[in-house]
Protein backbone atom coordinates (compact mmCIF):
# COMPACT_ATOMS: atom_id res chain seq x y z
CA UNK A 1 -119.90 -33.81 -58.11
CA UNK A 2 -120.38 -30.10 -57.53
CA UNK A 3 -118.86 -30.27 -54.03
CA UNK A 4 -115.72 -32.01 -55.28
CA UNK A 5 -115.19 -29.41 -57.96
CA UNK A 6 -115.40 -26.67 -55.29
CA UNK A 7 -112.77 -28.39 -53.19
CA UNK A 8 -110.24 -28.62 -56.05
CA UNK A 9 -110.74 -24.96 -56.85
CA UNK A 10 -110.05 -24.04 -53.24
CA UNK A 11 -106.86 -26.15 -53.13
CA UNK A 12 -105.56 -24.54 -56.32
CA UNK A 13 -106.12 -21.04 -54.96
CA UNK A 14 -104.48 -21.99 -51.67
CA UNK A 15 -101.35 -23.37 -53.30
CA UNK A 16 -101.02 -20.34 -55.54
CA UNK A 17 -101.36 -17.96 -52.61
CA UNK A 18 -98.70 -19.80 -50.56
CA UNK A 19 -96.02 -19.19 -53.24
CA UNK A 20 -94.08 -15.99 -52.26
CA UNK A 21 -93.94 -13.32 -54.94
CA UNK A 22 -90.53 -12.46 -56.41
CA UNK A 23 -89.13 -9.20 -55.01
CA UNK A 24 -87.57 -6.45 -57.08
CA UNK A 25 -84.29 -6.85 -55.16
CA UNK A 26 -83.94 -10.43 -56.24
CA UNK A 27 -84.62 -9.52 -59.83
CA UNK A 28 -82.04 -6.71 -59.65
CA UNK A 29 -79.45 -9.10 -58.23
CA UNK A 30 -80.20 -11.55 -61.03
CA UNK A 31 -80.07 -8.78 -63.66
CA UNK A 32 -76.68 -7.35 -62.37
CA UNK A 33 -73.87 -8.62 -64.61
CA UNK A 34 -71.17 -10.59 -62.92
CA UNK A 35 -67.67 -9.00 -63.07
CA UNK A 36 -64.85 -10.85 -64.70
CA UNK A 37 -61.60 -11.32 -62.72
CA UNK A 38 -59.94 -8.58 -64.79
CA UNK A 39 -62.78 -6.17 -64.03
CA UNK A 40 -62.57 -6.96 -60.32
CA UNK A 41 -58.83 -6.24 -60.33
CA UNK A 42 -59.44 -2.97 -62.18
CA UNK A 43 -62.11 -1.93 -59.65
CA UNK A 44 -59.72 -2.74 -56.79
CA UNK A 45 -56.96 -0.65 -58.41
CA UNK A 46 -59.34 2.26 -58.91
CA UNK A 47 -60.30 2.14 -55.24
CA UNK A 48 -56.60 2.02 -54.33
CA UNK A 49 -55.92 5.06 -56.52
CA UNK A 50 -58.72 7.00 -54.83
CA UNK A 51 -57.28 6.11 -51.42
CA UNK A 52 -53.76 7.11 -52.45
CA UNK A 53 -54.95 10.44 -53.87
CA UNK A 54 -56.75 11.17 -50.61
CA UNK A 55 -53.60 10.41 -48.64
CA UNK A 56 -51.55 12.56 -51.01
CA UNK A 57 -53.82 15.54 -50.41
CA UNK A 58 -53.40 15.12 -46.66
CA UNK A 59 -49.62 14.90 -47.04
CA UNK A 60 -49.55 18.03 -49.19
CA UNK A 61 -51.54 19.92 -46.59
CA UNK A 62 -49.20 18.73 -43.83
CA UNK A 63 -46.16 19.72 -45.90
CA UNK A 64 -47.52 23.23 -46.50
CA UNK A 65 -48.19 23.62 -42.78
CA UNK A 66 -44.66 22.45 -42.03
CA UNK A 67 -43.22 24.98 -44.48
CA UNK A 68 -45.23 27.81 -42.92
CA UNK A 69 -44.15 26.83 -39.41
CA UNK A 70 -40.50 26.54 -40.45
CA UNK A 71 -40.59 29.97 -42.11
CA UNK A 72 -42.21 31.49 -39.02
CA UNK A 73 -39.63 29.94 -36.69
CA UNK A 74 -36.79 31.09 -38.94
CA UNK A 75 -38.11 34.65 -38.92
CA UNK A 76 -38.49 34.57 -35.13
CA UNK A 77 -34.92 33.29 -34.72
CA UNK A 78 -33.63 36.03 -37.00
CA UNK A 79 -35.53 38.71 -35.10
CA UNK A 80 -34.24 37.30 -31.80
CA UNK A 81 -30.65 37.32 -33.07
CA UNK A 82 -30.96 40.95 -34.21
CA UNK A 83 -32.60 41.94 -30.93
CA UNK A 84 -29.81 40.30 -28.92
CA UNK A 85 -27.11 41.96 -31.01
CA UNK A 86 -28.81 45.35 -30.72
CA UNK A 87 -29.20 44.89 -26.97
CA UNK A 88 -25.48 44.16 -26.61
CA UNK A 89 -24.68 47.38 -28.48
CA UNK A 90 -26.71 49.55 -26.10
CA UNK A 91 -23.94 49.68 -23.52
CA UNK A 92 -21.57 51.06 -26.14
CA UNK A 93 -24.16 53.67 -27.09
CA UNK A 94 -24.48 54.66 -23.43
CA UNK A 95 -20.72 55.11 -23.03
CA UNK A 96 -20.57 57.16 -26.22
CA UNK A 97 -23.38 59.39 -24.93
CA UNK A 98 -21.46 59.95 -21.69
CA UNK A 99 -18.36 60.87 -23.69
CA UNK A 100 -20.32 63.49 -25.62
CA UNK A 101 -21.83 64.87 -22.41
CA UNK A 102 -18.40 65.12 -20.84
CA UNK A 103 -17.81 68.26 -22.88
CA UNK A 104 -20.45 70.91 -22.05
CA UNK A 105 -21.71 73.24 -24.74
CA UNK A 106 -20.20 76.22 -22.95
CA UNK A 107 -16.73 74.70 -23.41
CA UNK A 108 -17.29 74.57 -27.17
CA UNK A 109 -18.16 78.25 -27.44
CA UNK A 110 -15.58 80.98 -28.13
CA UNK A 111 -17.69 83.71 -26.55
CA UNK A 112 -17.16 84.43 -22.85
CA UNK A 113 -19.90 83.17 -20.58
CA UNK A 114 -20.54 83.27 -16.83
CA UNK A 115 -21.14 79.52 -17.07
CA UNK A 116 -17.66 78.98 -18.49
CA UNK A 117 -16.45 75.61 -17.18
CA UNK A 118 -13.60 75.48 -14.72
CA UNK A 119 -11.89 72.65 -16.63
CA UNK A 120 -9.42 73.43 -19.37
CA UNK A 121 -9.86 72.45 -22.98
CA UNK A 122 -7.14 69.83 -22.57
CA UNK A 123 -9.01 68.19 -19.68
CA UNK A 124 -12.21 68.05 -21.70
CA UNK A 125 -10.28 66.60 -24.64
CA UNK A 126 -8.79 63.89 -22.42
CA UNK A 127 -12.22 62.96 -21.06
CA UNK A 128 -13.66 62.85 -24.55
CA UNK A 129 -10.79 60.69 -25.77
CA UNK A 130 -11.25 58.34 -22.83
CA UNK A 131 -14.97 57.99 -23.57
CA UNK A 132 -14.38 57.30 -27.26
CA UNK A 133 -11.66 54.79 -26.42
CA UNK A 134 -13.98 52.96 -24.00
CA UNK A 135 -16.71 52.91 -26.64
CA UNK A 136 -14.34 51.45 -29.21
CA UNK A 137 -13.24 48.78 -26.76
CA UNK A 138 -16.83 47.85 -25.88
CA UNK A 139 -17.79 47.66 -29.55
CA UNK A 140 -14.91 45.28 -30.24
CA UNK A 141 -15.91 43.15 -27.26
CA UNK A 142 -19.45 42.94 -28.60
CA UNK A 143 -18.17 41.98 -32.05
CA UNK A 144 -15.90 39.31 -30.52
CA UNK A 145 -18.93 37.89 -28.78
CA UNK A 146 -20.48 37.28 -32.21
CA UNK A 147 -17.20 35.89 -33.65
CA UNK A 148 -16.44 39.07 -35.59
CA UNK A 149 -12.73 39.92 -35.40
CA UNK A 150 -10.63 42.67 -37.02
CA UNK A 151 -7.30 42.05 -38.74
CA UNK A 152 -4.50 44.35 -39.85
CA UNK A 153 -2.50 42.86 -42.74
CA UNK A 154 0.36 45.37 -42.67
CA UNK A 155 3.54 43.52 -43.63
CA UNK A 156 1.67 40.57 -45.17
CA UNK A 157 1.74 39.57 -48.80
CA UNK A 158 -1.21 41.07 -50.67
CA UNK A 159 -4.12 38.62 -50.88
CA UNK A 160 -7.00 39.71 -53.16
CA UNK A 161 -9.35 37.46 -51.20
CA UNK A 162 -8.69 39.37 -47.96
CA UNK A 163 -7.33 42.73 -49.08
CA UNK A 164 -8.56 45.62 -51.22
CA UNK A 165 -5.73 47.62 -52.77
CA UNK A 166 -6.37 51.36 -52.69
CA UNK A 167 -3.01 52.40 -54.09
CA UNK A 168 0.48 51.19 -54.96
CA UNK A 169 3.72 52.94 -54.16
CA UNK A 170 7.41 52.15 -54.57
CA UNK A 171 8.98 51.76 -51.13
CA UNK A 172 12.72 51.07 -50.87
CA UNK A 173 13.45 47.94 -48.87
CA UNK A 174 9.92 46.56 -49.25
CA UNK A 175 9.19 43.48 -51.33
CA UNK A 176 6.81 44.25 -54.19
CA UNK A 177 3.33 42.98 -53.40
CA UNK A 178 3.71 43.56 -49.66
CA UNK A 179 1.05 45.49 -47.73
CA UNK A 180 2.71 48.70 -46.53
CA UNK A 181 -0.31 50.51 -45.09
CA UNK A 182 -3.73 49.57 -43.73
CA UNK A 183 -6.23 52.40 -43.94
CA UNK A 184 -9.22 50.33 -42.85
CA UNK A 185 -8.97 47.10 -40.90
CA UNK A 186 -10.53 43.98 -42.34
CA UNK A 187 -13.03 41.87 -40.42
CA UNK A 188 -13.74 38.16 -40.36
CA UNK A 189 -16.70 36.26 -38.97
CA UNK A 190 -15.83 32.68 -38.02
CA UNK A 191 -12.76 32.72 -40.32
CA UNK A 192 -14.80 34.01 -43.27
CA UNK A 193 -14.03 37.48 -44.62
CA UNK A 194 -16.76 39.91 -43.64
CA UNK A 195 -14.97 42.95 -45.04
CA UNK A 196 -11.67 43.10 -46.87
CA UNK A 197 -8.95 45.33 -45.43
CA UNK A 198 -8.30 48.48 -47.45
CA UNK A 199 -4.56 48.70 -47.95
CA UNK A 200 -1.65 50.22 -49.82
CA UNK A 201 0.73 47.84 -51.60
CA UNK A 202 4.43 48.14 -52.37
CA UNK A 203 5.42 48.07 -56.02
CA UNK A 204 8.74 47.68 -57.75
CA UNK A 205 11.10 50.63 -57.60
CA UNK A 206 12.39 51.85 -60.96
């Protein structure tokens, strides 16, 4: 009887040892509450919001970079335009410098000098006038290149959008409101008034 009792004890111990112990992971999975359908939808929406916010931050950064690049390109284009315009004016500056040099300092002095030029004052005046005239012509050509054109409204009806009246005077035979004198030419740039012409206007005779 003692041997049989030993055998049953051994079988009981063996069966108990063959049963695997419950792990903590399994217990945690069993303890975790199951989400309701509404909670699952809410969790999905929260994840979607996080994703959208992340994308928004990236888009904001890209937009700021685009703004900086656009501002830099605009500044470079403006500098290039000014540089090109200034470069086109250099030829006019050169001609004007030659016109000034055409009259030596000795020709401008009243005191006698051994270096007195052989040319007469009239010849120097003609050369100076020619140089100034060439400079004026070159300046106008440069302005035309950039669509800047002068206009003289003498004889036209006064237009406050294009003309600036400096004075009014009664002139027999002239219709009141007519431009009778242009002291400074007006300028347009692509048909838009850049500077109004400064004019005198006819008024009624008493």
